[in-house]
PDB file of N, CA and C in Angstrom:
ATOM      1  N   MET A   1      -8.671  65.875  28.541  1.00  0.00           N
ATOM      2  CA  MET A   1      -8.516  64.749  27.639  1.00  0.00           C
ATOM      3  C   MET A   1      -8.280  65.183  26.199  1.00  0.00           C
ATOM      4  N   GLN A   2      -8.119  66.469  25.954  1.00  0.00           N
ATOM      5  CA  GLN A   2      -7.955  66.970  24.602  1.00  0.00           C
ATOM      6  C   GLN A   2      -6.683  66.430  23.945  1.00  0.00           C
ATOM      7  N   ALA A   3      -5.586  66.322  24.690  1.00  0.00           N
ATOM      8  CA  ALA A   3      -4.332  65.830  24.121  1.00  0.00           C
ATOM      9  C   ALA A   3      -4.491  64.403  23.607  1.00  0.00           C
ATOM     10  N   MET A   4      -5.214  63.584  24.329  1.00  0.00           N
ATOM     11  CA  MET A   4      -5.420  62.205  23.894  1.00  0.00           C
ATOM     12  C   MET A   4      -6.287  62.142  22.640  1.00  0.00           C
ATOM     13  N   GLU A   5      -7.281  63.007  22.556  1.00  0.00           N
ATOM     14  CA  GLU A   5      -8.143  63.037  21.367  1.00  0.00           C
ATOM     15  C   GLU A   5      -7.360  63.476  20.140  1.00  0.00           C
ATOM     16  N   ILE A   6      -6.476  64.458  20.305  1.00  0.00           N
ATOM     17  CA  ILE A   6      -5.658  64.917  19.180  1.00  0.00           C
ATOM     18  C   ILE A   6      -4.754  63.784  18.707  1.00  0.00           C
ATOM     19  N   SER A   7      -4.135  63.076  19.638  1.00  0.00           N
ATOM     20  CA  SER A   7      -3.281  61.938  19.269  1.00  0.00           C
ATOM     21  C   SER A   7      -4.095  60.840  18.599  1.00  0.00           C
ATOM     22  N   ARG A   8      -5.320  60.617  19.060  1.00  0.00           N
ATOM     23  CA  ARG A   8      -6.172  59.601  18.443  1.00  0.00           C
ATOM     24  C   ARG A   8      -6.477  59.948  16.991  1.00  0.00           C
ATOM     25  N   THR A   9      -6.721  61.230  16.710  1.00  0.00           N
ATOM     26  CA  THR A   9      -6.979  61.620  15.318  1.00  0.00           C
ATOM     27  C   THR A   9      -5.730  61.393  14.470  1.00  0.00           C
ATOM     28  N   GLY A  10      -4.553  61.641  15.059  1.00  0.00           N
ATOM     29  CA  GLY A  10      -3.309  61.377  14.346  1.00  0.00           C
ATOM     30  C   GLY A  10      -3.138  59.896  14.044  1.00  0.00           C
ATOM     31  N   LEU A  11      -3.505  59.048  14.997  1.00  0.00           N
ATOM     32  CA  LEU A  11      -3.448  57.600  14.777  1.00  0.00           C
ATOM     33  C   LEU A  11      -4.364  57.187  13.627  1.00  0.00           C
ATOM     34  N   ASP A  12      -5.570  57.726  13.617  1.00  0.00           N
ATOM     35  CA  ASP A  12      -6.536  57.391  12.565  1.00  0.00           C
ATOM     36  C   ASP A  12      -6.010  57.778  11.186  1.00  0.00           C
ATOM     37  N   VAL A  13      -5.471  58.997  11.084  1.00  0.00           N
ATOM     38  CA  VAL A  13      -4.984  59.488   9.792  1.00  0.00           C
ATOM     39  C   VAL A  13      -3.791  58.662   9.322  1.00  0.00           C
ATOM     40  N   GLU A  14      -2.846  58.385  10.197  1.00  0.00           N
ATOM     41  CA  GLU A  14      -1.661  57.630   9.785  1.00  0.00           C
ATOM     42  C   GLU A  14      -2.005  56.189   9.440  1.00  0.00           C
ATOM     43  N   TRP A  15      -2.988  55.605  10.126  1.00  0.00           N
ATOM     44  CA  TRP A  15      -3.428  54.253   9.781  1.00  0.00           C
ATOM     45  C   TRP A  15      -3.996  54.236   8.370  1.00  0.00           C
ATOM     46  N   ARG A  16      -4.810  55.234   8.064  1.00  0.00           N
ATOM     47  CA  ARG A  16      -5.393  55.342   6.717  1.00  0.00           C
ATOM     48  C   ARG A  16      -4.298  55.572   5.682  1.00  0.00           C
ATOM     49  N   ARG A  17      -3.281  56.391   6.025  1.00  0.00           N
ATOM     50  CA  ARG A  17      -2.165  56.633   5.111  1.00  0.00           C
ATOM     51  C   ARG A  17      -1.425  55.315   4.815  1.00  0.00           C
ATOM     52  N   LEU A  18      -1.218  54.502   5.852  1.00  0.00           N
ATOM     53  CA  LEU A  18      -0.569  53.207   5.665  1.00  0.00           C
ATOM     54  C   LEU A  18      -1.397  52.301   4.753  1.00  0.00           C
ATOM     55  N   GLU A  19      -2.710  52.359   4.881  1.00  0.00           N
ATOM     56  CA  GLU A  19      -3.583  51.560   4.013  1.00  0.00           C
ATOM     57  C   GLU A  19      -3.442  51.979   2.547  1.00  0.00           C
ATOM     58  N   VAL A  20      -3.385  53.282   2.297  1.00  0.00           N
ATOM     59  CA  VAL A  20      -3.257  53.784   0.921  1.00  0.00           C
ATOM     60  C   VAL A  20      -1.906  53.381   0.332  1.00  0.00           C
ATOM     61  N   ILE A  21      -0.847  53.495   1.123  1.00  0.00           N
ATOM     62  CA  ILE A  21       0.482  53.093   0.652  1.00  0.00           C
ATOM     63  C   ILE A  21       0.500  51.596   0.349  1.00  0.00           C
ATOM     64  N   ALA A  22      -0.084  50.792   1.230  1.00  0.00           N
ATOM     65  CA  ALA A  22      -0.137  49.343   1.013  1.00  0.00           C
ATOM     66  C   ALA A  22      -0.914  49.008  -0.258  1.00  0.00           C
ATOM     67  N   GLN A  23      -1.985  49.748  -0.501  1.00  0.00           N
ATOM     68  CA  GLN A  23      -2.772  49.529  -1.712  1.00  0.00           C
ATOM     69  C   GLN A  23      -1.931  49.845  -2.951  1.00  0.00           C
ATOM     70  N   ASN A  24      -1.157  50.932  -2.906  1.00  0.00           N
ATOM     71  CA  ASN A  24      -0.291  51.271  -4.034  1.00  0.00           C
ATOM     72  C   ASN A  24       0.738  50.179  -4.287  1.00  0.00           C
ATOM     73  N   LEU A  25       1.359  49.700  -3.215  1.00  0.00           N
ATOM     74  CA  LEU A  25       2.375  48.654  -3.364  1.00  0.00           C
ATOM     75  C   LEU A  25       1.767  47.351  -3.886  1.00  0.00           C
ATOM     76  N   ALA A  26       0.580  47.017  -3.406  1.00  0.00           N
ATOM     77  CA  ALA A  26      -0.080  45.786  -3.843  1.00  0.00           C
ATOM     78  C   ALA A  26      -0.462  45.831  -5.318  1.00  0.00           C
ATOM     79  N   ASN A  27      -0.717  47.036  -5.825  1.00  0.00           N
ATOM     80  CA  ASN A  27      -1.145  47.179  -7.219  1.00  0.00           C
ATOM     81  C   ASN A  27      -0.042  47.712  -8.128  1.00  0.00           C
ATOM     82  N   ALA A  28       1.195  47.642  -7.693  1.00  0.00           N
ATOM     83  CA  ALA A  28       2.317  48.187  -8.469  1.00  0.00           C
ATOM     84  C   ALA A  28       2.456  47.528  -9.834  1.00  0.00           C
ATOM     85  N   SER A  29       2.007  46.299  -9.963  1.00  0.00           N
ATOM     86  CA  SER A  29       2.119  45.620 -11.261  1.00  0.00           C
ATOM     87  C   SER A  29       0.748  45.340 -11.884  1.00  0.00           C
ATOM     88  N   SER A  30      -0.258  46.079 -11.447  1.00  0.00           N
ATOM     89  CA  SER A  30      -1.609  45.922 -11.992  1.00  0.00           C
ATOM     90  C   SER A  30      -1.835  46.926 -13.109  1.00  0.00           C
ATOM     91  N   ALA A  31      -2.073  46.421 -14.292  1.00  0.00           N
ATOM     92  CA  ALA A  31      -2.300  47.292 -15.440  1.00  0.00           C
ATOM     93  C   ALA A  31      -3.516  48.172 -15.208  1.00  0.00           C
ATOM     94  N   GLY A  32      -3.375  49.432 -15.539  1.00  0.00           N
ATOM     95  CA  GLY A  32      -4.484  50.369 -15.432  1.00  0.00           C
ATOM     96  C   GLY A  32      -4.684  50.992 -14.068  1.00  0.00           C
ATOM     97  N   TYR A  33      -3.984  50.508 -13.052  1.00  0.00           N
ATOM     98  CA  TYR A  33      -4.131  51.080 -11.701  1.00  0.00           C
ATOM     99  C   TYR A  33      -3.484  52.460 -11.653  1.00  0.00           C
ATOM    100  N   GLN A  34      -4.113  53.374 -10.946  1.00  0.00           N
ATOM    101  CA  GLN A  34      -3.553  54.710 -10.748  1.00  0.00           C
ATOM    102  C   GLN A  34      -3.235  54.893  -9.267  1.00  0.00           C
ATOM    103  N   PRO A  35      -1.969  55.206  -8.936  1.00  0.00           N
ATOM    104  CA  PRO A  35      -1.594  55.347  -7.532  1.00  0.00           C
ATOM    105  C   PRO A  35      -2.262  56.542  -6.864  1.00  0.00           C
ATOM    106  N   HIS A  36      -2.481  56.409  -5.556  1.00  0.00           N
ATOM    107  CA  HIS A  36      -3.157  57.433  -4.770  1.00  0.00           C
ATOM    108  C   HIS A  36      -2.248  57.971  -3.680  1.00  0.00           C
ATOM    109  N   ARG A  37      -2.617  59.104  -3.157  1.00  0.00           N
ATOM    110  CA  ARG A  37      -1.911  59.723  -2.046  1.00  0.00           C
ATOM    111  C   ARG A  37      -2.947  60.281  -1.087  1.00  0.00           C
ATOM    112  N   LEU A  38      -2.720  60.084   0.209  1.00  0.00           N
ATOM    113  CA  LEU A  38      -3.642  60.597   1.210  1.00  0.00           C
ATOM    114  C   LEU A  38      -3.296  62.058   1.503  1.00  0.00           C
ATOM    115  N   VAL A  39      -4.307  62.900   1.515  1.00  0.00           N
ATOM    116  CA  VAL A  39      -4.129  64.314   1.830  1.00  0.00           C
ATOM    117  C   VAL A  39      -4.784  64.552   3.189  1.00  0.00           C
ATOM    118  N   SER A  40      -3.991  65.056   4.131  1.00  0.00           N
ATOM    119  CA  SER A  40      -4.523  65.306   5.477  1.00  0.00           C
ATOM    120  C   SER A  40      -4.255  66.750   5.868  1.00  0.00           C
ATOM    121  N   GLY A  41      -4.963  67.171   6.904  1.00  0.00           N
ATOM    122  CA  GLY A  41      -4.796  68.537   7.391  1.00  0.00           C
ATOM    123  C   GLY A  41      -5.502  68.710   8.714  1.00  0.00           C
ATOM    124  N   PRO A  42      -5.459  69.927   9.227  1.00  0.00           N
ATOM    125  CA  PRO A  42      -6.076  70.166  10.538  1.00  0.00           C
ATOM    126  C   PRO A  42      -7.587  69.990  10.500  1.00  0.00           C
ATOM    127  N   ALA A  43      -8.116  69.426  11.574  1.00  0.00           N
ATOM    128  CA  ALA A  43      -9.562  69.304  11.730  1.00  0.00           C
ATOM    129  C   ALA A  43     -10.025  70.573  12.431  1.00  0.00           C
ATOM    130  N   GLY A  44     -10.867  71.321  11.802  1.00  0.00           N
ATOM    131  CA  GLY A  44     -11.269  72.616  12.349  1.00  0.00           C
ATOM    132  C   GLY A  44     -10.422  73.711  11.722  1.00  0.00           C
ATOM    133  N   SER A  45     -10.656  74.910  12.154  1.00  0.00           N
ATOM    134  CA  SER A  45      -9.899  76.033  11.599  1.00  0.00           C
ATOM    135  C   SER A  45      -8.964  76.602  12.660  1.00  0.00           C
ATOM    136  N   PHE A  46      -7.939  77.278  12.196  1.00  0.00           N
ATOM    137  CA  PHE A  46      -6.988  77.877  13.128  1.00  0.00           C
ATOM    138  C   PHE A  46      -7.607  79.054  13.870  1.00  0.00           C
ATOM    139  N   LYS A  47      -8.613  79.681  13.256  1.00  0.00           N
ATOM    140  CA  LYS A  47      -9.284  80.801  13.921  1.00  0.00           C
ATOM    141  C   LYS A  47     -10.071  80.318  15.135  1.00  0.00           C
ATOM    142  N   ASP A  48     -10.763  79.223  14.937  1.00  0.00           N
ATOM    143  CA  ASP A  48     -11.601  78.696  16.018  1.00  0.00           C
ATOM    144  C   ASP A  48     -10.761  77.828  16.955  1.00  0.00           C
ATOM    145  N   HIS A  49     -10.742  76.549  16.657  1.00  0.00           N
ATOM    146  CA  HIS A  49     -10.069  75.614  17.537  1.00  0.00           C
ATOM    147  C   HIS A  49      -9.699  74.366  16.741  1.00  0.00           C
ATOM    148  N   VAL A  50      -8.419  74.057  16.674  1.00  0.00           N
ATOM    149  CA  VAL A  50      -7.983  72.863  15.964  1.00  0.00           C
ATOM    150  C   VAL A  50      -8.265  71.656  16.843  1.00  0.00           C
ATOM    151  N   ARG A  51      -8.927  70.667  16.260  1.00  0.00           N
ATOM    152  CA  ARG A  51      -9.310  69.457  16.991  1.00  0.00           C
ATOM    153  C   ARG A  51      -8.514  68.249  16.532  1.00  0.00           C
ATOM    154  N   GLY A  52      -7.286  68.448  16.131  1.00  0.00           N
ATOM    155  CA  GLY A  52      -6.466  67.349  15.653  1.00  0.00           C
ATOM    156  C   GLY A  52      -6.320  67.410  14.148  1.00  0.00           C
ATOM    157  N   VAL A  53      -6.208  66.247  13.529  1.00  0.00           N
ATOM    158  CA  VAL A  53      -6.060  66.164  12.080  1.00  0.00           C
ATOM    159  C   VAL A  53      -7.151  65.280  11.506  1.00  0.00           C
ATOM    160  N   GLU A  54      -7.343  65.407  10.203  1.00  0.00           N
ATOM    161  CA  GLU A  54      -8.339  64.588   9.526  1.00  0.00           C
ATOM    162  C   GLU A  54      -7.900  64.325   8.098  1.00  0.00           C
ATOM    163  N   VAL A  55      -8.472  63.296   7.505  1.00  0.00           N
ATOM    164  CA  VAL A  55      -8.237  62.996   6.100  1.00  0.00           C
ATOM    165  C   VAL A  55      -9.062  63.983   5.286  1.00  0.00           C
ATOM    166  N   LYS A  56      -8.393  64.708   4.414  1.00  0.00           N
ATOM    167  CA  LYS A  56      -9.096  65.662   3.549  1.00  0.00           C
ATOM    168  C   LYS A  56      -9.498  65.015   2.227  1.00  0.00           C
ATOM    169  N   ASP A  57      -8.622  64.121   1.708  1.00  0.00           N
ATOM    170  CA  ASP A  57      -8.890  63.518   0.410  1.00  0.00           C
ATOM    171  C   ASP A  57      -7.937  62.344   0.190  1.00  0.00           C
ATOM    172  N   VAL A  58      -8.321  61.455  -0.680  1.00  0.00           N
ATOM    173  CA  VAL A  58      -7.420  60.430  -1.207  1.00  0.00           C
ATOM    174  C   VAL A  58      -7.379  60.715  -2.697  1.00  0.00           C
ATOM    175  N   ALA A  59      -6.293  61.364  -3.131  1.00  0.00           N
ATOM    176  CA  ALA A  59      -6.197  61.874  -4.495  1.00  0.00           C
ATOM    177  C   ALA A  59      -5.225  61.048  -5.332  1.00  0.00           C
ATOM    178  N   LEU A  60      -5.424  61.118  -6.624  1.00  0.00           N
ATOM    179  CA  LEU A  60      -4.486  60.478  -7.545  1.00  0.00           C
ATOM    180  C   LEU A  60      -3.167  61.226  -7.497  1.00  0.00           C
ATOM    181  N   THR A  61      -2.054  60.494  -7.627  1.00  0.00           N
ATOM    182  CA  THR A  61      -0.742  61.135  -7.551  1.00  0.00           C
ATOM    183  C   THR A  61      -0.394  61.897  -8.813  1.00  0.00           C
ATOM    184  N   GLY A  62      -0.946  61.502  -9.924  1.00  0.00           N
ATOM    185  CA  GLY A  62      -0.610  62.146 -11.191  1.00  0.00           C
ATOM    186  C   GLY A  62       0.678  61.611 -11.791  1.00  0.00           C
ATOM    187  N   ALA A  63       1.217  60.526 -11.225  1.00  0.00           N
ATOM    188  CA  ALA A  63       2.433  59.925 -11.758  1.00  0.00           C
ATOM    189  C   ALA A  63       2.148  59.361 -13.147  1.00  0.00           C
ATOM    190  N   SER A  64       3.068  59.602 -14.062  1.00  0.00           N
ATOM    191  CA  SER A  64       2.868  59.092 -15.413  1.00  0.00           C
ATOM    192  C   SER A  64       3.058  57.584 -15.425  1.00  0.00           C
ATOM    193  N   PRO A  65       2.238  56.894 -16.195  1.00  0.00           N
ATOM    194  CA  PRO A  65       2.312  55.428 -16.216  1.00  0.00           C
ATOM    195  C   PRO A  65       3.541  54.937 -16.979  1.00  0.00           C
ATOM    196  N   ASN A  66       3.918  53.714 -16.690  1.00  0.00           N
ATOM    197  CA  ASN A  66       4.980  53.039 -17.435  1.00  0.00           C
ATOM    198  C   ASN A  66       4.315  52.245 -18.553  1.00  0.00           C
ATOM    199  N   LEU A  67       4.689  52.548 -19.770  1.00  0.00           N
ATOM    200  CA  LEU A  67       4.127  51.828 -20.912  1.00  0.00           C
ATOM    201  C   LEU A  67       5.058  50.679 -21.278  1.00  0.00           C
ATOM    202  N   VAL A  68       4.497  49.481 -21.327  1.00  0.00           N
ATOM    203  CA  VAL A  68       5.261  48.284 -21.655  1.00  0.00           C
ATOM    204  C   VAL A  68       4.642  47.658 -22.899  1.00  0.00           C
ATOM    205  N   HIS A  69       5.507  47.335 -23.880  1.00  0.00           N
ATOM    206  CA  HIS A  69       5.018  46.753 -25.122  1.00  0.00           C
ATOM    207  C   HIS A  69       4.715  45.278 -24.897  1.00  0.00           C
ATOM    208  N   GLU A  70       3.429  44.954 -24.830  1.00  0.00           N
ATOM    209  CA  GLU A  70       2.937  43.584 -24.662  1.00  0.00           C
ATOM    210  C   GLU A  70       1.744  43.390 -25.595  1.00  0.00           C
ATOM    211  N   PRO A  71       2.003  43.212 -26.872  1.00  0.00           N
ATOM    212  CA  PRO A  71       0.890  43.156 -27.836  1.00  0.00           C
ATOM    213  C   PRO A  71      -0.077  42.004 -27.615  1.00  0.00           C
ATOM    214  N   ASN A  72       0.351  40.937 -26.932  1.00  0.00           N
ATOM    215  CA  ASN A  72      -0.551  39.799 -26.705  1.00  0.00           C
ATOM    216  C   ASN A  72      -1.387  39.946 -25.440  1.00  0.00           C
ATOM    217  N   ASN A  73      -1.140  40.977 -24.676  1.00  0.00           N
ATOM    218  CA  ASN A  73      -1.890  41.217 -23.444  1.00  0.00           C
ATOM    219  C   ASN A  73      -3.278  41.743 -23.807  1.00  0.00           C
ATOM    220  N   PRO A  74      -4.341  41.191 -23.220  1.00  0.00           N
ATOM    221  CA  PRO A  74      -5.696  41.674 -23.545  1.00  0.00           C
ATOM    222  C   PRO A  74      -5.938  43.126 -23.140  1.00  0.00           C
ATOM    223  N   GLN A  75      -5.121  43.667 -22.254  1.00  0.00           N
ATOM    224  CA  GLN A  75      -5.287  45.065 -21.843  1.00  0.00           C
ATOM    225  C   GLN A  75      -4.444  46.025 -22.677  1.00  0.00           C
ATOM    226  N   ALA A  76      -3.790  45.523 -23.706  1.00  0.00           N
ATOM    227  CA  ALA A  76      -2.947  46.367 -24.558  1.00  0.00           C
ATOM    228  C   ALA A  76      -3.806  47.314 -25.392  1.00  0.00           C
ATOM    229  N   ASP A  77      -3.252  48.499 -25.636  1.00  0.00           N
ATOM    230  CA  ASP A  77      -3.956  49.465 -26.489  1.00  0.00           C
ATOM    231  C   ASP A  77      -3.749  49.091 -27.960  1.00  0.00           C
ATOM    232  N   SER A  78      -4.192  49.946 -28.856  1.00  0.00           N
ATOM    233  CA  SER A  78      -4.122  49.643 -30.284  1.00  0.00           C
ATOM    234  C   SER A  78      -2.683  49.534 -30.787  1.00  0.00           C
ATOM    235  N   ARG A  79      -1.726  50.135 -30.083  1.00  0.00           N
ATOM    236  CA  ARG A  79      -0.315  50.060 -30.475  1.00  0.00           C
ATOM    237  C   ARG A  79       0.404  48.893 -29.802  1.00  0.00           C
ATOM    238  N   GLY A  80      -0.301  48.154 -28.906  1.00  0.00           N
ATOM    239  CA  GLY A  80       0.296  47.006 -28.235  1.00  0.00           C
ATOM    240  C   GLY A  80       0.944  47.335 -26.899  1.00  0.00           C
ATOM    241  N   PHE A  81       0.664  48.518 -26.357  1.00  0.00           N
ATOM    242  CA  PHE A  81       1.260  48.924 -25.080  1.00  0.00           C
ATOM    243  C   PHE A  81       0.266  48.755 -23.935  1.00  0.00           C
ATOM    244  N   VAL A  82       0.796  48.281 -22.801  1.00  0.00           N
ATOM    245  CA  VAL A  82       0.000  48.146 -21.582  1.00  0.00           C
ATOM    246  C   VAL A  82       0.491  49.207 -20.614  1.00  0.00           C
ATOM    247  N   SER A  83      -0.450  49.879 -19.973  1.00  0.00           N
ATOM    248  CA  SER A  83      -0.142  50.962 -19.045  1.00  0.00           C
ATOM    249  C   SER A  83      -0.081  50.424 -17.610  1.00  0.00           C
ATOM    250  N   TYR A  84       1.126  50.424 -17.043  1.00  0.00           N
ATOM    251  CA  TYR A  84       1.316  50.020 -15.646  1.00  0.00           C
ATOM    252  C   TYR A  84       1.526  51.267 -14.800  1.00  0.00           C
ATOM    253  N   PRO A  85       1.137  51.213 -13.528  1.00  0.00           N
ATOM    254  CA  PRO A  85       1.252  52.426 -12.697  1.00  0.00           C
ATOM    255  C   PRO A  85       2.712  52.840 -12.495  1.00  0.00           C
ATOM    256  N   GLY A  86       2.928  54.136 -12.497  1.00  0.00           N
ATOM    257  CA  GLY A  86       4.263  54.685 -12.271  1.00  0.00           C
ATOM    258  C   GLY A  86       4.536  54.804 -10.789  1.00  0.00           C
ATOM    259  N   ILE A  87       4.693  53.670 -10.132  1.00  0.00           N
ATOM    260  CA  ILE A  87       4.901  53.650  -8.684  1.00  0.00           C
ATOM    261  C   ILE A  87       6.374  53.414  -8.405  1.00  0.00           C
ATOM    262  N   ASP A  88       6.968  54.314  -7.652  1.00  0.00           N
ATOM    263  CA  ASP A  88       8.347  54.158  -7.191  1.00  0.00           C
ATOM    264  C   ASP A  88       8.274  53.395  -5.871  1.00  0.00           C
ATOM    265  N   GLN A  89       8.599  52.111  -5.927  1.00  0.00           N
ATOM    266  CA  GLN A  89       8.430  51.267  -4.744  1.00  0.00           C
ATOM    267  C   GLN A  89       9.324  51.700  -3.591  1.00  0.00           C
ATOM    268  N   ALA A  90      10.516  52.197  -3.885  1.00  0.00           N
ATOM    269  CA  ALA A  90      11.407  52.663  -2.820  1.00  0.00           C
ATOM    270  C   ALA A  90      10.807  53.888  -2.128  1.00  0.00           C
ATOM    271  N   ALA A  91      10.232  54.791  -2.900  1.00  0.00           N
ATOM    272  CA  ALA A  91       9.597  55.979  -2.315  1.00  0.00           C
ATOM    273  C   ALA A  91       8.378  55.585  -1.487  1.00  0.00           C
ATOM    274  N   GLU A  92       7.611  54.617  -1.967  1.00  0.00           N
ATOM    275  CA  GLU A  92       6.443  54.148  -1.212  1.00  0.00           C
ATOM    276  C   GLU A  92       6.878  53.531   0.118  1.00  0.00           C
ATOM    277  N   MET A  93       7.928  52.735   0.087  1.00  0.00           N
ATOM    278  CA  MET A  93       8.424  52.119   1.323  1.00  0.00           C
ATOM    279  C   MET A  93       8.951  53.185   2.287  1.00  0.00           C
ATOM    280  N   THR A  94       9.595  54.218   1.760  1.00  0.00           N
ATOM    281  CA  THR A  94      10.073  55.317   2.597  1.00  0.00           C
ATOM    282  C   THR A  94       8.900  56.021   3.266  1.00  0.00           C
ATOM    283  N   MET A  95       7.841  56.273   2.501  1.00  0.00           N
ATOM    284  CA  MET A  95       6.653  56.901   3.076  1.00  0.00           C
ATOM    285  C   MET A  95       5.987  55.990   4.106  1.00  0.00           C
ATOM    286  N   MET A  96       6.068  54.677   3.879  1.00  0.00           N
ATOM    287  CA  MET A  96       5.489  53.743   4.829  1.00  0.00           C
ATOM    288  C   MET A  96       6.244  53.783   6.162  1.00  0.00           C
ATOM    289  N   VAL A  97       7.570  53.843   6.099  1.00  0.00           N
ATOM    290  CA  VAL A  97       8.372  53.939   7.324  1.00  0.00           C
ATOM    291  C   VAL A  97       8.070  55.246   8.046  1.00  0.00           C
ATOM    292  N   LYS A  98       7.971  56.337   7.287  1.00  0.00           N
ATOM    293  CA  LYS A  98       7.669  57.642   7.887  1.00  0.00           C
ATOM    294  C   LYS A  98       6.304  57.630   8.573  1.00  0.00           C
ATOM    295  N   ALA A  99       5.291  57.077   7.907  1.00  0.00           N
ATOM    296  CA  ALA A  99       3.950  57.012   8.492  1.00  0.00           C
ATOM    297  C   ALA A  99       3.952  56.138   9.740  1.00  0.00           C
ATOM    298  N   SER A 100       4.721  55.057   9.717  1.00  0.00           N
ATOM    299  CA  SER A 100       4.822  54.187  10.895  1.00  0.00           C
ATOM    300  C   SER A 100       5.431  54.926  12.075  1.00  0.00           C
ATOM    301  N   ARG A 101       6.455  55.733  11.802  1.00  0.00           N
ATOM    302  CA  ARG A 101       7.100  56.514  12.866  1.00  0.00           C
ATOM    303  C   ARG A 101       6.149  57.572  13.435  1.00  0.00           C
ATOM    304  N   VAL A 102       5.385  58.202  12.575  1.00  0.00           N
ATOM    305  CA  VAL A 102       4.415  59.194  13.046  1.00  0.00           C
ATOM    306  C   VAL A 102       3.337  58.505  13.878  1.00  0.00           C
ATOM    307  N   TYR A 103       2.921  57.324  13.455  1.00  0.00           N
ATOM    308  CA  TYR A 103       1.939  56.541  14.214  1.00  0.00           C
ATOM    309  C   TYR A 103       2.490  56.240  15.605  1.00  0.00           C
ATOM    310  N   GLU A 104       3.740  55.775  15.663  1.00  0.00           N
ATOM    311  CA  GLU A 104       4.375  55.471  16.946  1.00  0.00           C
ATOM    312  C   GLU A 104       4.493  56.722  17.820  1.00  0.00           C
ATOM    313  N   ALA A 105       4.824  57.861  17.217  1.00  0.00           N
ATOM    314  CA  ALA A 105       4.939  59.109  17.971  1.00  0.00           C
ATOM    315  C   ALA A 105       3.601  59.499  18.585  1.00  0.00           C
ATOM    316  N   ASN A 106       2.514  59.259  17.880  1.00  0.00           N
ATOM    317  CA  ASN A 106       1.187  59.550  18.426  1.00  0.00           C
ATOM    318  C   ASN A 106       0.858  58.631  19.598  1.00  0.00           C
ATOM    319  N   ILE A 107       1.299  57.394  19.534  1.00  0.00           N
ATOM    320  CA  ILE A 107       1.091  56.475  20.661  1.00  0.00           C
ATOM    321  C   ILE A 107       1.863  56.962  21.877  1.00  0.00           C
ATOM    322  N   VAL A 108       3.113  57.381  21.671  1.00  0.00           N
ATOM    323  CA  VAL A 108       3.929  57.897  22.777  1.00  0.00           C
ATOM    324  C   VAL A 108       3.281  59.141  23.380  1.00  0.00           C
ATOM    325  N   ALA A 109       2.807  60.055  22.521  1.00  0.00           N
ATOM    326  CA  ALA A 109       2.153  61.267  23.018  1.00  0.00           C
ATOM    327  C   ALA A 109       0.888  60.929  23.800  1.00  0.00           C
ATOM    328  N   MET A 110       0.127  59.956  23.311  1.00  0.00           N
ATOM    329  CA  MET A 110      -1.096  59.554  23.997  1.00  0.00           C
ATOM    330  C   MET A 110      -0.776  58.949  25.367  1.00  0.00           C
ATOM    331  N   ASN A 111       0.246  58.105  25.427  1.00  0.00           N
ATOM    332  CA  ASN A 111       0.641  57.507  26.702  1.00  0.00           C
ATOM    333  C   ASN A 111       1.164  58.555  27.681  1.00  0.00           C
ATOM    334  N   SER A 112       1.916  59.533  27.171  1.00  0.00           N
ATOM    335  CA  SER A 112       2.408  60.616  28.034  1.00  0.00           C
ATOM    336  C   SER A 112       1.251  61.426  28.603  1.00  0.00           C
ATOM    337  N   ALA A 113       0.268  61.726  27.779  1.00  0.00           N
ATOM    338  CA  ALA A 113      -0.903  62.476  28.241  1.00  0.00           C
ATOM    339  C   ALA A 113      -1.659  61.679  29.299  1.00  0.00           C
ATOM    340  N   ARG A 114      -1.806  60.385  29.058  1.00  0.00           N
ATOM    341  CA  ARG A 114      -2.492  59.532  30.028  1.00  0.00           C
ATOM    342  C   ARG A 114      -1.753  59.536  31.368  1.00  0.00           C
ATOM    343  N   GLN A 115      -0.439  59.447  31.321  1.00  0.00           N
ATOM    344  CA  GLN A 115       0.350  59.471  32.554  1.00  0.00           C
ATOM    345  C   GLN A 115       0.206  60.811  33.279  1.00  0.00           C
ATOM    346  N   MET A 116       0.190  61.910  32.516  1.00  0.00           N
ATOM    347  CA  MET A 116       0.029  63.232  33.143  1.00  0.00           C
ATOM    348  C   MET A 116      -1.346  63.370  33.779  1.00  0.00           C
ATOM    349  N   TYR A 117      -2.383  62.885  33.102  1.00  0.00           N
ATOM    350  CA  TYR A 117      -3.728  62.949  33.674  1.00  0.00           C
ATOM    351  C   TYR A 117      -3.817  62.108  34.944  1.00  0.00           C
ATOM    352  N   SER A 118      -3.207  60.942  34.928  1.00  0.00           N
ATOM    353  CA  SER A 118      -3.210  60.080  36.114  1.00  0.00           C
ATOM    354  C   SER A 118      -2.481  60.747  37.277  1.00  0.00           C
ATOM    355  N   LYS A 119      -1.354  61.363  36.983  1.00  0.00           N
ATOM    356  CA  LYS A 119      -0.581  62.044  38.006  1.00  0.00           C
ATOM    357  C   LYS A 119      -1.368  63.233  38.576  1.00  0.00           C
ATOM    358  N   ALA A 120      -2.066  63.956  37.713  1.00  0.00           N
ATOM    359  CA  ALA A 120      -2.879  65.087  38.174  1.00  0.00           C
ATOM    360  C   ALA A 120      -3.996  64.607  39.084  1.00  0.00           C
ATOM    361  N   LEU A 121      -4.631  63.482  38.720  1.00  0.00           N
ATOM    362  CA  LEU A 121      -5.677  62.928  39.590  1.00  0.00           C
ATOM    363  C   LEU A 121      -5.106  62.488  40.931  1.00  0.00           C
ATOM    364  N   GLU A 122      -3.929  61.900  40.892  1.00  0.00           N
ATOM    365  CA  GLU A 122      -3.264  61.463  42.110  1.00  0.00           C
ATOM    366  C   GLU A 122      -2.942  62.648  43.017  1.00  0.00           C
ATOM    367  N   LEU A 123      -2.448  63.727  42.423  1.00  0.00           N
ATOM    368  CA  LEU A 123      -2.137  64.928  43.184  1.00  0.00           C
ATOM    369  C   LEU A 123      -3.405  65.579  43.757  1.00  0.00           C
ATOM    370  N   GLY A 124      -4.493  65.496  43.001  1.00  0.00           N
ATOM    371  CA  GLY A 124      -5.761  66.063  43.453  1.00  0.00           C
ATOM    372  C   GLY A 124      -6.349  65.310  44.630  1.00  0.00           C
ATOM    373  N   ARG A 125      -6.038  64.039  44.746  1.00  0.00           N
ATOM    374  CA  ARG A 125      -6.547  63.250  45.861  1.00  0.00           C
ATOM    375  C   ARG A 125      -5.841  63.551  47.175  1.00  0.00           C
ATOM    376  N   ARG A 126      -4.648  64.085  47.100  1.00  0.00           N
ATOM    377  CA  ARG A 126      -3.855  64.362  48.317  1.00  0.00           C
ATOM    378  C   ARG A 126      -4.338  65.570  49.050  1.00  0.00           C
TER     379      ARG A 126
END
C-alpha cells in the first residue's frame, strides 16, 4: 500500500498549494497583504526512506508591493501611498492549473495502484 500512501501525501500537498494560491488571488487587491508560496519537499530523507512529500513551509514570496497614490485612503502612508500586494494574477492562475494537474496525476496514480493491488489479490486467490 506504499504507492497509495505516497499519492495521498501528494494530494494533501497540492490541495494545500491550491489553498495558498486561492488566498493570494482573493487578497490581490487587499492593501498590506503579502503574497505567500507553499514550499514542499520529500517526507523523510533520501538516505533512509522517502515517504512521499510534505509541506515544508508557507513562505512570503518577497514580491515588491505596488504603491498606489491614494491620499484619502486610511491605509495610506505619510506620502499618501497605499501598498497593494505585487501579485501577478496570470502567474497565480498558471500555478493553479499546474497544481490541479499534479493533483489529478496523483489521483490517477492512486487508482492505478489500487487496480494493481486488486489484480494481485485476484491472482493470489487462484
